[in-house]
Protein backbone atom coordinates (compact mmCIF):
# COMPACT_ATOMS: atom_id res chain seq x y z
CA UNK A 1 -0.01 0.06 -0.01
CA UNK A 2 2.83 2.35 0.93
CA UNK A 3 4.51 1.89 -2.54
CA UNK A 4 1.27 2.89 -4.23
CA UNK A 5 1.07 6.02 -2.09
CA UNK A 6 4.66 6.96 -3.08
CA UNK A 7 3.90 6.27 -6.71
CA UNK A 8 0.91 8.46 -6.63
CA UNK A 9 2.73 11.29 -4.90
CA UNK A 10 5.59 11.05 -7.53
CA UNK A 11 3.05 11.22 -10.40
CA UNK A 12 1.34 14.15 -8.77
CA UNK A 13 4.67 16.01 -8.30
CA UNK A 14 5.75 15.33 -11.90
CA UNK A 15 2.35 16.63 -13.26
CA UNK A 16 2.56 19.61 -10.98
CA UNK A 17 6.14 20.44 -12.20
CA UNK A 18 5.12 19.92 -15.81
CA UNK A 19 2.10 22.07 -15.39
CA UNK A 20 4.12 24.91 -13.91
CA UNK A 21 6.84 24.53 -16.64
CA UNK A 22 4.28 24.38 -19.42
CA UNK A 23 1.96 27.06 -18.23
CA UNK A 24 0.84 28.88 -21.30
CA UNK A 25 1.85 32.47 -22.18
CA UNK A 26 -1.34 34.56 -22.33
CA UNK A 27 -2.25 35.68 -25.88
CA UNK A 28 -2.97 39.41 -25.78
CA UNK A 29 -3.44 41.53 -28.88
CA UNK A 30 -2.19 44.93 -29.72
CA UNK A 31 -5.77 46.24 -29.62
CA UNK A 32 -6.15 45.14 -25.97
CA UNK A 33 -2.78 46.66 -25.06
CA UNK A 34 -3.07 50.08 -26.93
CA UNK A 35 -5.71 51.89 -24.89
CA UNK A 36 -3.18 54.59 -23.96
CA UNK A 37 -1.55 54.73 -27.36
CA UNK A 38 -2.24 57.71 -29.62
CA UNK A 39 -5.35 56.62 -31.58
CA UNK A 40 -3.89 57.68 -34.89
CA UNK A 41 -0.69 55.63 -34.35
CA UNK A 42 -2.56 52.62 -33.19
CA UNK A 43 -4.93 52.72 -36.15
CA UNK A 44 -1.94 53.22 -38.44
CA UNK A 45 -0.37 49.90 -37.37
CA UNK A 46 -3.59 47.94 -37.48
CA UNK A 47 -4.38 49.26 -40.85
CA UNK A 48 -0.88 48.41 -42.08
CA UNK A 49 -1.32 44.81 -40.90
CA UNK A 50 -4.63 44.55 -42.83
CA UNK A 51 -3.17 45.98 -46.05
CA UNK A 52 0.18 44.17 -45.91
CA UNK A 53 -0.36 40.65 -44.69
CA UNK A 54 2.71 38.51 -44.09
CA UNK A 55 4.15 36.52 -46.93
CA UNK A 56 5.95 33.20 -46.40
CA UNK A 57 8.80 31.22 -47.77
CA UNK A 58 10.41 27.97 -46.61
CA UNK A 59 14.16 27.96 -46.51
CA UNK A 60 15.91 24.66 -45.52
CA UNK A 61 12.86 23.48 -43.73
CA UNK A 62 12.25 26.74 -41.84
CA UNK A 63 9.33 29.05 -42.51
CA UNK A 64 10.20 32.78 -42.92
CA UNK A 65 7.58 35.49 -42.74
CA UNK A 66 8.12 38.83 -44.44
CA UNK A 67 6.50 41.95 -45.97
CA UNK A 68 7.31 43.35 -49.49
CA UNK A 69 5.67 46.32 -51.25
CA UNK A 70 6.38 49.78 -52.58
CA UNK A 71 7.53 51.54 -55.85
CA UNK A 72 10.99 52.35 -57.16
CA UNK A 73 14.07 50.79 -58.64
CA UNK A 74 15.94 50.69 -55.36
CA UNK A 75 15.00 48.38 -52.47
CA UNK A 76 15.42 49.03 -48.68
CA UNK A 77 15.71 45.92 -46.53
CA UNK A 78 14.63 46.42 -42.78
CA UNK A 79 16.06 44.13 -40.14
CA UNK A 80 14.67 44.27 -36.63
CA UNK A 81 16.18 43.56 -33.23
CA UNK A 82 15.82 40.93 -30.50
CA UNK A 83 12.13 41.51 -29.67
CA UNK A 84 10.79 42.85 -33.02
CA UNK A 85 8.95 41.62 -35.98
CA UNK A 86 8.55 42.64 -39.64
CA UNK A 87 5.87 45.25 -39.12
CA UNK A 88 7.88 47.13 -36.39
CA UNK A 89 9.20 49.21 -39.20
CA UNK A 90 5.79 50.02 -40.63
CA UNK A 91 6.08 53.88 -40.25
CA UNK A 92 9.33 53.98 -42.14
CA UNK A 93 8.08 51.46 -44.80
CA UNK A 94 4.86 53.46 -45.52
CA UNK A 95 6.79 56.77 -45.69
CA UNK A 96 9.41 55.47 -48.08
CA UNK A 97 7.22 53.08 -50.19
CA UNK A 98 6.43 55.70 -52.82
CA UNK A 99 10.01 55.99 -53.81
CA UNK A 100 11.49 52.65 -52.82
CA UNK A 101 10.62 49.00 -52.68
CA UNK A 102 10.58 48.11 -49.02
CA UNK A 103 11.07 44.59 -47.54
CA UNK A 104 11.01 43.64 -43.87
CA UNK A 105 11.21 40.08 -42.29
CA UNK A 106 10.54 38.39 -38.98
CA UNK A 107 13.39 36.03 -37.85
CA UNK A 108 12.38 32.47 -37.25
CA UNK A 109 14.06 30.51 -34.44
CA UNK A 110 17.65 30.21 -35.87
CA UNK A 111 20.79 30.35 -33.74
CA UNK A 112 23.43 31.56 -36.06
CA UNK A 113 23.96 34.47 -38.45
CA UNK A 114 24.83 32.25 -41.48
CA UNK A 115 21.41 30.54 -41.31
CA UNK A 116 19.77 34.05 -40.91
CA UNK A 117 21.61 35.25 -43.98
CA UNK A 118 20.55 32.28 -46.08
CA UNK A 119 16.94 33.08 -45.21
CA UNK A 120 17.22 36.72 -46.14
CA UNK A 121 19.03 35.89 -49.39
CA UNK A 122 16.30 33.41 -50.29
CA UNK A 123 13.63 36.11 -49.75
CA UNK A 124 15.46 38.59 -51.89
CA UNK A 125 15.85 35.93 -54.64
CA UNK A 126 12.18 35.18 -54.51
CA UNK A 127 11.35 38.93 -54.75
CA UNK A 128 13.78 39.38 -57.64
CA UNK A 129 15.97 41.84 -55.77
CA UNK A 130 19.71 41.53 -56.45
CA UNK A 131 20.97 44.44 -54.29
CA UNK A 132 19.56 46.37 -51.34
CA UNK A 133 20.16 49.18 -48.97
CA UNK A 134 19.88 47.71 -45.43
CA UNK A 135 18.57 49.37 -42.28
CA UNK A 136 19.27 47.20 -39.13
CA UNK A 137 18.58 48.12 -35.51
CA UNK A 138 20.10 46.32 -32.43
CA UNK A 139 20.48 42.60 -33.39
CA UNK A 140 19.37 43.76 -36.88
CA UNK A 141 22.30 46.19 -36.99
CA UNK A 142 24.68 43.53 -35.91
CA UNK A 143 23.21 41.21 -38.60
CA UNK A 144 23.67 44.04 -41.16
CA UNK A 145 27.31 44.15 -40.31
CA UNK A 146 27.56 40.42 -40.83
CA UNK A 147 25.93 40.74 -44.26
CA UNK A 148 28.29 43.50 -45.19
CA UNK A 149 31.23 41.28 -44.13
CA UNK A 150 30.10 38.22 -45.95
CA UNK A 151 27.86 39.40 -48.79
CA UNK A 152 29.12 42.90 -49.64
CA UNK A 153 28.09 42.65 -53.32
CA UNK A 154 24.39 42.74 -52.30
CA UNK A 155 24.60 45.84 -50.21
CA UNK A 156 24.44 49.33 -51.71
CA UNK A 157 24.17 51.30 -48.34
CA UNK A 158 23.91 50.20 -44.74
CA UNK A 159 22.56 51.75 -41.55
CA UNK A 160 23.80 50.45 -38.21
CA UNK A 161 21.36 51.59 -35.61
CA UNK A 162 21.23 51.23 -31.81
CA UNK A 163 23.69 48.44 -32.20
CA UNK A 164 27.16 47.13 -31.45
CA UNK A 165 30.11 45.68 -33.30
CA UNK A 166 31.49 42.13 -32.76
CA UNK A 167 32.61 41.99 -29.10
CA UNK A 168 33.15 39.80 -26.13
CA UNK A 169 31.34 41.97 -23.65
CA UNK A 170 27.68 40.83 -24.31
CA UNK A 171 28.55 37.08 -24.24
CA UNK A 172 30.56 37.56 -20.99
CA UNK A 173 28.02 39.63 -19.17
CA UNK A 174 25.20 37.28 -20.23
CA UNK A 175 27.02 33.98 -19.87
CA UNK A 176 24.83 32.65 -17.13
CA UNK A 177 21.50 33.62 -18.48
CA UNK A 178 22.52 32.54 -21.89
CA UNK A 179 23.34 29.04 -20.57
CA UNK A 180 20.00 28.94 -18.55
CA UNK A 181 17.70 30.42 -21.21
CA UNK A 182 16.90 27.21 -23.20
CA UNK A 183 15.80 25.50 -20.05
CA UNK A 184 13.59 28.14 -18.45
CA UNK A 185 9.94 27.99 -18.93
CA UNK A 186 8.56 30.19 -21.69
CA UNK A 187 6.22 32.14 -19.34
CA UNK A 188 9.16 33.05 -17.18
CA UNK A 189 11.27 34.26 -20.13
CA UNK A 190 8.38 36.42 -21.32
CA UNK A 191 7.83 37.72 -17.82
CA UNK A 192 11.40 38.84 -17.65
CA UNK A 193 11.13 40.56 -20.99
CA UNK A 194 8.00 42.33 -19.90
CA UNK A 195 9.82 43.61 -16.83
CA UNK A 196 12.51 45.05 -19.00
CA UNK A 197 9.98 46.65 -21.42
CA UNK A 198 7.93 48.27 -18.57
CA UNK A 199 11.08 49.43 -16.73
CA UNK A 200 14.16 50.75 -18.45
CA UNK A 201 12.93 50.58 -22.10
CA UNK A 202 9.63 52.38 -21.55
CA UNK A 203 11.32 55.11 -19.38
CA UNK A 204 14.14 55.66 -21.86
CA UNK A 205 11.62 56.11 -24.69
CA UNK A 206 10.09 59.09 -22.87
CA UNK A 207 7.26 56.89 -21.60
CA UNK A 208 6.13 56.08 -25.16
CA UNK A 209 2.87 54.06 -24.94
CA UNK A 210 3.37 53.01 -28.43
CA UNK A 211 6.75 51.41 -27.82
CA UNK A 212 5.42 49.66 -24.73
CA UNK A 213 2.26 48.28 -26.22
CA UNK A 214 4.17 46.93 -29.35
CA UNK A 215 6.70 45.21 -27.26
CA UNK A 216 4.23 43.81 -24.80
CA UNK A 217 2.25 42.23 -27.67
CA UNK A 218 5.40 40.51 -28.71
CA UNK A 219 5.78 39.03 -25.26
CA UNK A 220 2.12 38.04 -25.17
CA UNK A 221 2.12 35.28 -27.77
CA UNK A 222 3.47 36.98 -30.86
CA UNK A 223 7.03 35.88 -30.20
CA UNK A 224 7.98 32.52 -28.63
CA UNK A 225 10.88 31.38 -26.46
CA UNK A 226 12.60 29.56 -29.33
CA UNK A 227 12.87 32.88 -31.15
CA UNK A 228 14.31 34.59 -28.10
CA UNK A 229 16.91 31.83 -27.60
CA UNK A 230 17.88 31.89 -31.24
CA UNK A 231 18.15 35.69 -31.43
CA UNK A 232 20.42 35.66 -28.25
CA UNK A 233 22.75 33.15 -29.87
CA UNK A 234 22.91 35.37 -32.95
CA UNK A 235 23.76 38.34 -30.87
CA UNK A 236 26.84 36.63 -29.63
CA UNK A 237 27.74 34.91 -32.85
CA UNK A 238 31.24 36.29 -33.76
CA UNK A 239 32.56 37.50 -37.10
CA UNK A 240 35.25 39.88 -38.34
CA UNK A 241 34.39 43.53 -38.70
CA UNK A 242 34.11 44.38 -42.50
CA UNK A 243 36.32 46.99 -44.00
CA UNK A 244 33.46 49.05 -45.38
CA UNK A 245 35.69 51.57 -47.02
CA UNK A 246 37.50 48.97 -48.93
CA UNK A 247 34.25 47.37 -49.92
CA UNK A 248 32.84 50.68 -50.97
CA UNK A 249 29.69 50.40 -48.88
CA UNK A 250 28.55 53.77 -47.47
CA UNK A 251 27.45 53.44 -43.85
CA UNK A 252 25.42 55.53 -41.43
CA UNK A 253 25.41 54.95 -37.65
CA UNK A 254 22.35 56.01 -35.73
CA UNK A 255 22.95 56.01 -32.01
CA UNK A 256 21.13 57.27 -28.95
CA UNK A 257 22.68 58.88 -25.89
CA UNK A 258 20.37 57.04 -23.39
CA UNK A 259 20.12 53.60 -24.99
CA UNK A 260 19.15 51.22 -22.14
CA UNK A 261 20.02 48.09 -24.11
CA UNK A 262 23.39 49.02 -25.70
CA UNK A 263 25.79 50.44 -23.23
CA UNK A 264 28.06 53.42 -24.02
CA UNK A 265 31.27 51.35 -24.28
CA UNK A 266 29.66 49.33 -27.12
CA UNK A 267 28.39 52.41 -28.83
CA UNK A 268 31.86 53.89 -28.88
CA UNK A 269 33.30 50.61 -30.06
CA UNK A 270 30.90 50.71 -33.06
CA UNK A 271 32.03 54.21 -34.05
CA UNK A 272 35.63 53.17 -33.76
CA UNK A 273 35.02 50.11 -35.90
CA UNK A 274 33.66 52.18 -38.69
CA UNK A 275 35.61 55.53 -38.69
CA UNK A 276 34.39 56.51 -42.15
CA UNK A 277 30.72 56.23 -41.23
CA UNK A 278 28.32 59.14 -41.04
CA UNK A 279 27.21 59.30 -37.30
CA UNK A 280 23.94 60.67 -35.87
CA UNK A 281 23.44 60.63 -32.07
CA UNK A 282 19.82 61.10 -31.03
CA UNK A 283 19.01 62.53 -27.60
CA UNK A 284 16.87 60.92 -25.01
CA UNK A 285 14.75 58.82 -27.29
CA UNK A 286 15.61 55.19 -26.11
CA UNK A 287 16.18 51.90 -27.96
CA UNK A 288 13.37 52.14 -30.46
CA UNK A 289 13.43 55.73 -31.90
CA UNK A 290 11.96 54.54 -35.12
CA UNK A 291 8.74 53.75 -33.15
CA UNK A 292 8.47 56.85 -30.95
CA UNK A 293 10.18 59.39 -33.13
CA UNK A 294 9.30 58.13 -36.61
CA UNK A 295 9.38 61.39 -38.61
CA UNK A 296 12.89 62.34 -37.35
CA UNK A 297 14.16 58.81 -37.92
CA UNK A 298 12.72 58.59 -41.41
CA UNK A 299 14.23 61.95 -42.30
CA UNK A 300 17.66 60.59 -41.51
CA UNK A 301 17.09 57.67 -43.81
CA UNK A 302 15.73 59.76 -46.54
CA UNK A 303 18.78 62.10 -46.45
CA UNK A 304 21.22 59.12 -46.30
CA UNK A 305 19.57 57.19 -49.15
CA UNK A 306 19.16 60.31 -51.26
CA UNK A 307 22.82 61.17 -51.26
């Protein structure tokens, strides 16, 4: 009788632990999160999603989602950061689409930059685009540098925004969490992200409700843990800094003086790695200035691409 009781207790404990680990992440939409967002900005994003549904392509058994539209002979490719998606650039894409073709993608769960580049190249091939100008922010800016280093023939101009060059600092500082991340329950990972969004990121953005609502939606079911894990691995995937002057790729660096996610030493390393780049440092706008200061951000892109 005792062994039966022990067996029942063991099963109950296993089920309890499994239930805690597998507790689902709530699915909350942007509409439900945007009550404090400027109504015009919220309506703009929702309209964009209706008018530009995600397209798909399978690359080596992995499904990529992307958006492609616009007019013009030149193409601008937008690459988002750790917690973004293809439509995070909607304000810039709409503003530039009357003069450029614009493409933006959402990264699937891949854990190295080479696999990421193969996906992007496949999208460009499908869309019939041989060369692009690239705008990348955060992880996207790091990825853009990788593309410039390994596929310079495809890049006409490049924007490295709110980002960092290849370095040891991020991997070293995040060594413990990086090792634990694959084993943590998804709800816990998303809770930690939400804490970051609601704390430093929101404050640094000037308390932008748009920034907060967009990022919270990402953590409420629009992004999964596998994507977070893969993107972290890509952030610490090393490569050699490209010699952009020798490659003939014009570069603009967009930085922010209060970026809560890219510390100052990395921002300075980025400028030192690309001494020939045009540099713009924005003041007190946080890590996502293309969301909360879209007009100023788009104007910088227009000036750079129009040169």
